[in-house]
Amino acid sequence: MKIIAKDREGKETAIEGRDGWTIMEMLRDGGLPITAECGGACACATCHVYIEDGWYEKLTPPSEAEVDMLDMALAVQPNSRLSCQLTCSEDLDGIKVTLAPE
């Protein structure tokens, strides 16, 4: 599966996703500047991304913990998600994400 990621300067990168890994892990391993301070424990919002092009509706809704973390994030939009809470699968092949401001 592929993840199309746009960095904060607008440069797009195609990253190969691994089934069962999180999008946050793939972004980090792909060299994108994502902090992910808590390592994927949904205890910070430093892996905040915007879900693009109609993909948001295809995702599992955010948990209460994720909503609480997003409440503390900067520049939250209706299509905001924490990439540590999104697991790669064939259903997400081609998903487009943009890194949110730090």
N, C-alpha and C. Protein backbone atom coordinates (compact mmCIF):
# COMPACT_ATOMS: atom_id res chain seq x y z
N MET A 1 0.84 -1.19 0.00
CA MET A 1 0.00 0.00 0.00
C MET A 1 0.87 1.24 0.00
N LYS A 2 0.37 2.30 -0.58
CA LYS A 2 1.11 3.57 -0.65
C LYS A 2 0.42 4.64 0.19
N ILE A 3 1.24 5.47 0.81
CA ILE A 3 0.79 6.66 1.52
C ILE A 3 1.38 7.85 0.77
N ILE A 4 0.56 8.80 0.40
CA ILE A 4 1.04 10.02 -0.25
C ILE A 4 1.07 11.10 0.83
N ALA A 5 2.27 11.51 1.20
CA ALA A 5 2.44 12.46 2.30
C ALA A 5 2.99 13.78 1.80
N LYS A 6 2.40 14.86 2.27
CA LYS A 6 2.86 16.20 1.92
C LYS A 6 3.48 16.81 3.18
N ASP A 7 4.73 17.29 3.04
CA ASP A 7 5.38 17.91 4.20
C ASP A 7 4.89 19.34 4.37
N ARG A 8 5.45 20.04 5.35
CA ARG A 8 4.98 21.39 5.68
C ARG A 8 5.34 22.42 4.62
N GLU A 9 6.25 22.08 3.71
CA GLU A 9 6.60 22.98 2.60
C GLU A 9 5.80 22.66 1.33
N GLY A 10 4.97 21.61 1.37
CA GLY A 10 4.13 21.26 0.23
C GLY A 10 4.72 20.19 -0.68
N LYS A 11 5.89 19.64 -0.33
CA LYS A 11 6.51 18.59 -1.15
C LYS A 11 5.83 17.26 -0.87
N GLU A 12 5.40 16.59 -1.95
CA GLU A 12 4.75 15.28 -1.82
C GLU A 12 5.76 14.15 -1.94
N THR A 13 5.57 13.14 -1.09
CA THR A 13 6.41 11.95 -1.09
C THR A 13 5.51 10.73 -1.03
N ALA A 14 5.79 9.74 -1.87
CA ALA A 14 5.07 8.46 -1.80
C ALA A 14 5.86 7.53 -0.90
N ILE A 15 5.19 6.98 0.10
CA ILE A 15 5.82 6.10 1.07
C ILE A 15 5.14 4.75 1.00
N GLU A 16 5.93 3.71 1.02
CA GLU A 16 5.38 2.35 1.04
C GLU A 16 4.93 2.03 2.46
N GLY A 17 3.66 1.71 2.63
CA GLY A 17 3.13 1.35 3.94
C GLY A 17 3.31 -0.14 4.20
N ARG A 18 3.33 -0.50 5.47
CA ARG A 18 3.42 -1.91 5.87
C ARG A 18 2.16 -2.27 6.62
N ASP A 19 1.51 -3.32 6.18
CA ASP A 19 0.26 -3.78 6.80
C ASP A 19 0.46 -3.95 8.31
N GLY A 20 -0.44 -3.33 9.08
CA GLY A 20 -0.40 -3.46 10.52
C GLY A 20 0.42 -2.40 11.24
N TRP A 21 1.24 -1.66 10.51
CA TRP A 21 2.02 -0.57 11.10
C TRP A 21 1.17 0.70 11.05
N THR A 22 1.51 1.69 11.86
CA THR A 22 0.74 2.93 11.83
C THR A 22 1.29 3.87 10.76
N ILE A 23 0.44 4.77 10.32
CA ILE A 23 0.88 5.78 9.36
C ILE A 23 1.99 6.63 9.98
N MET A 24 1.91 6.91 11.28
CA MET A 24 2.97 7.66 11.95
C MET A 24 4.32 6.96 11.79
N GLU A 25 4.36 5.65 11.99
CA GLU A 25 5.61 4.90 11.84
C GLU A 25 6.14 4.98 10.42
N MET A 26 5.25 4.92 9.45
CA MET A 26 5.66 4.98 8.05
C MET A 26 6.18 6.38 7.69
N LEU A 27 5.53 7.42 8.21
CA LEU A 27 5.99 8.79 7.96
C LEU A 27 7.38 8.99 8.55
N ARG A 28 7.55 8.55 9.78
CA ARG A 28 8.84 8.68 10.46
C ARG A 28 9.93 7.90 9.73
N ASP A 29 9.64 6.63 9.40
CA ASP A 29 10.62 5.79 8.70
C ASP A 29 10.89 6.31 7.29
N GLY A 30 9.92 7.02 6.71
CA GLY A 30 10.09 7.59 5.37
C GLY A 30 10.86 8.89 5.37
N GLY A 31 11.31 9.33 6.54
CA GLY A 31 12.15 10.52 6.63
C GLY A 31 11.41 11.84 6.72
N LEU A 32 10.08 11.79 6.91
CA LEU A 32 9.34 13.04 7.05
C LEU A 32 9.54 13.61 8.46
N PRO A 33 9.52 14.94 8.59
CA PRO A 33 9.79 15.57 9.88
C PRO A 33 8.60 15.52 10.84
N ILE A 34 8.28 14.33 11.31
CA ILE A 34 7.17 14.16 12.26
C ILE A 34 7.78 13.81 13.61
N THR A 35 7.41 14.52 14.67
CA THR A 35 8.06 14.35 15.96
C THR A 35 7.64 13.06 16.65
N ALA A 36 6.35 12.82 16.77
CA ALA A 36 5.83 11.60 17.40
C ALA A 36 6.49 11.33 18.75
N GLU A 37 6.45 12.34 19.63
CA GLU A 37 7.14 12.28 20.91
C GLU A 37 6.75 11.11 21.80
N CYS A 38 5.49 10.72 21.78
CA CYS A 38 5.05 9.64 22.69
C CYS A 38 5.23 8.25 22.06
N GLY A 39 5.72 8.21 20.83
CA GLY A 39 5.98 6.93 20.18
C GLY A 39 4.73 6.18 19.75
N GLY A 40 3.61 6.84 19.72
CA GLY A 40 2.39 6.20 19.23
C GLY A 40 1.41 5.80 20.32
N ALA A 41 1.57 6.34 21.52
CA ALA A 41 0.71 5.97 22.64
C ALA A 41 -0.53 6.85 22.78
N CYS A 42 -0.77 7.73 21.80
CA CYS A 42 -1.91 8.66 21.84
C CYS A 42 -1.85 9.53 23.09
N ALA A 43 -0.61 9.96 23.45
CA ALA A 43 -0.41 10.77 24.65
C ALA A 43 0.13 12.16 24.32
N CYS A 44 0.18 12.49 23.04
CA CYS A 44 0.59 13.84 22.61
C CYS A 44 -0.09 14.08 21.26
N ALA A 45 0.20 15.18 20.63
CA ALA A 45 -0.40 15.44 19.32
C ALA A 45 0.67 15.80 18.30
N THR A 46 1.89 15.31 18.51
CA THR A 46 3.01 15.69 17.64
C THR A 46 3.07 14.86 16.35
N CYS A 47 2.08 14.00 16.12
CA CYS A 47 1.98 13.27 14.85
C CYS A 47 0.71 13.69 14.10
N HIS A 48 0.21 14.88 14.44
CA HIS A 48 -1.02 15.44 13.86
C HIS A 48 -0.87 15.61 12.34
N VAL A 49 -1.85 15.07 11.62
CA VAL A 49 -1.89 15.22 10.16
C VAL A 49 -3.29 15.62 9.74
N TYR A 50 -3.38 16.13 8.51
CA TYR A 50 -4.66 16.39 7.87
C TYR A 50 -4.89 15.29 6.85
N ILE A 51 -6.07 14.70 6.85
CA ILE A 51 -6.44 13.66 5.91
C ILE A 51 -7.08 14.33 4.70
N GLU A 52 -6.55 14.05 3.51
CA GLU A 52 -6.95 14.78 2.30
C GLU A 52 -7.84 13.95 1.37
N ASP A 53 -8.49 14.65 0.45
CA ASP A 53 -9.18 14.07 -0.71
C ASP A 53 -10.22 12.99 -0.39
N GLY A 54 -11.06 13.24 0.60
CA GLY A 54 -12.16 12.32 0.87
C GLY A 54 -11.80 11.06 1.64
N TRP A 55 -10.57 10.95 2.10
CA TRP A 55 -10.15 9.76 2.86
C TRP A 55 -10.68 9.76 4.29
N TYR A 56 -10.94 10.93 4.84
CA TYR A 56 -11.34 11.01 6.25
C TYR A 56 -12.56 10.13 6.53
N GLU A 57 -13.54 10.17 5.65
CA GLU A 57 -14.78 9.42 5.86
C GLU A 57 -14.56 7.91 5.81
N LYS A 58 -13.46 7.47 5.21
CA LYS A 58 -13.18 6.03 5.08
C LYS A 58 -12.48 5.47 6.31
N LEU A 59 -12.06 6.35 7.22
CA LEU A 59 -11.33 5.92 8.40
C LEU A 59 -12.27 5.56 9.54
N THR A 60 -11.78 4.71 10.46
CA THR A 60 -12.50 4.45 11.70
C THR A 60 -12.57 5.77 12.47
N PRO A 61 -13.71 6.10 13.05
CA PRO A 61 -13.81 7.37 13.79
C PRO A 61 -12.77 7.44 14.92
N PRO A 62 -12.34 8.66 15.26
CA PRO A 62 -11.35 8.79 16.34
C PRO A 62 -11.92 8.37 17.69
N SER A 63 -11.06 7.81 18.52
CA SER A 63 -11.45 7.43 19.88
C SER A 63 -11.56 8.69 20.74
N GLU A 64 -12.13 8.55 21.94
CA GLU A 64 -12.22 9.69 22.87
C GLU A 64 -10.83 10.20 23.21
N ALA A 65 -9.88 9.29 23.40
CA ALA A 65 -8.50 9.68 23.74
C ALA A 65 -7.89 10.51 22.61
N GLU A 66 -8.13 10.10 21.37
CA GLU A 66 -7.60 10.86 20.23
C GLU A 66 -8.25 12.23 20.15
N VAL A 67 -9.55 12.31 20.34
CA VAL A 67 -10.26 13.60 20.32
C VAL A 67 -9.70 14.51 21.41
N ASP A 68 -9.45 13.95 22.61
CA ASP A 68 -8.89 14.74 23.70
C ASP A 68 -7.51 15.29 23.35
N MET A 69 -6.67 14.49 22.71
CA MET A 69 -5.33 14.94 22.31
C MET A 69 -5.42 16.01 21.22
N LEU A 70 -6.33 15.82 20.27
CA LEU A 70 -6.51 16.82 19.21
C LEU A 70 -7.00 18.15 19.78
N ASP A 71 -7.76 18.10 20.89
CA ASP A 71 -8.21 19.33 21.54
C ASP A 71 -7.04 20.19 22.00
N MET A 72 -5.88 19.56 22.23
CA MET A 72 -4.70 20.29 22.70
C MET A 72 -3.74 20.64 21.55
N ALA A 73 -4.04 20.18 20.34
CA ALA A 73 -3.15 20.41 19.20
C ALA A 73 -3.37 21.80 18.62
N LEU A 74 -2.38 22.26 17.86
CA LEU A 74 -2.48 23.54 17.16
C LEU A 74 -3.11 23.32 15.78
N ALA A 75 -3.79 24.33 15.28
CA ALA A 75 -4.31 24.34 13.91
C ALA A 75 -5.17 23.13 13.56
N VAL A 76 -6.02 22.71 14.49
CA VAL A 76 -6.91 21.57 14.24
C VAL A 76 -7.97 21.97 13.22
N GLN A 77 -8.23 21.06 12.29
CA GLN A 77 -9.24 21.25 11.25
C GLN A 77 -10.21 20.06 11.30
N PRO A 78 -11.33 20.14 10.60
CA PRO A 78 -12.28 19.02 10.60
C PRO A 78 -11.67 17.70 10.09
N ASN A 79 -10.60 17.78 9.30
CA ASN A 79 -9.97 16.56 8.76
C ASN A 79 -8.70 16.18 9.51
N SER A 80 -8.55 16.67 10.75
CA SER A 80 -7.38 16.36 11.57
C SER A 80 -7.48 14.97 12.18
N ARG A 81 -6.35 14.27 12.20
CA ARG A 81 -6.23 12.99 12.89
C ARG A 81 -4.81 12.87 13.43
N LEU A 82 -4.64 11.96 14.39
CA LEU A 82 -3.31 11.61 14.87
C LEU A 82 -2.86 10.40 14.06
N SER A 83 -1.73 10.53 13.38
CA SER A 83 -1.29 9.45 12.49
C SER A 83 -0.91 8.18 13.25
N CYS A 84 -0.66 8.28 14.56
CA CYS A 84 -0.35 7.08 15.35
C CYS A 84 -1.59 6.21 15.57
N GLN A 85 -2.75 6.76 15.30
CA GLN A 85 -4.00 6.03 15.50
C GLN A 85 -4.58 5.45 14.21
N LEU A 86 -3.82 5.55 13.13
CA LEU A 86 -4.27 5.07 11.82
C LEU A 86 -3.38 3.92 11.39
N THR A 87 -3.95 2.73 11.31
CA THR A 87 -3.20 1.53 10.97
C THR A 87 -3.24 1.28 9.47
N CYS A 88 -2.08 1.03 8.90
CA CYS A 88 -1.97 0.74 7.47
C CYS A 88 -2.69 -0.57 7.12
N SER A 89 -3.42 -0.52 6.02
CA SER A 89 -4.07 -1.72 5.47
C SER A 89 -4.33 -1.45 4.00
N GLU A 90 -4.66 -2.48 3.26
CA GLU A 90 -4.96 -2.31 1.84
C GLU A 90 -6.13 -1.34 1.61
N ASP A 91 -7.04 -1.23 2.59
CA ASP A 91 -8.16 -0.30 2.48
C ASP A 91 -7.70 1.15 2.38
N LEU A 92 -6.49 1.43 2.87
CA LEU A 92 -5.97 2.79 2.87
C LEU A 92 -4.95 3.04 1.76
N ASP A 93 -4.87 2.12 0.80
CA ASP A 93 -3.90 2.28 -0.30
C ASP A 93 -4.18 3.57 -1.05
N GLY A 94 -3.18 4.46 -1.08
CA GLY A 94 -3.31 5.73 -1.77
C GLY A 94 -3.75 6.88 -0.89
N ILE A 95 -3.91 6.65 0.42
CA ILE A 95 -4.34 7.71 1.33
C ILE A 95 -3.39 8.90 1.24
N LYS A 96 -3.96 10.09 1.30
CA LYS A 96 -3.17 11.33 1.23
C LYS A 96 -3.25 12.05 2.57
N VAL A 97 -2.08 12.37 3.11
CA VAL A 97 -2.00 13.10 4.38
C VAL A 97 -1.06 14.28 4.23
N THR A 98 -1.32 15.32 5.00
CA THR A 98 -0.45 16.50 5.06
C THR A 98 -0.04 16.70 6.51
N LEU A 99 1.25 16.90 6.75
CA LEU A 99 1.72 17.16 8.10
C LEU A 99 1.16 18.49 8.59
N ALA A 100 0.61 18.49 9.79
CA ALA A 100 0.09 19.72 10.39
C ALA A 100 1.26 20.56 10.92
N PRO A 101 1.04 21.87 11.11
CA PRO A 101 2.12 22.72 11.66
C PRO A 101 2.55 22.20 13.03
N GLU A 102 3.84 22.42 13.34
CA GLU A 102 4.35 21.98 14.65
C GLU A 102 3.91 22.93 15.73
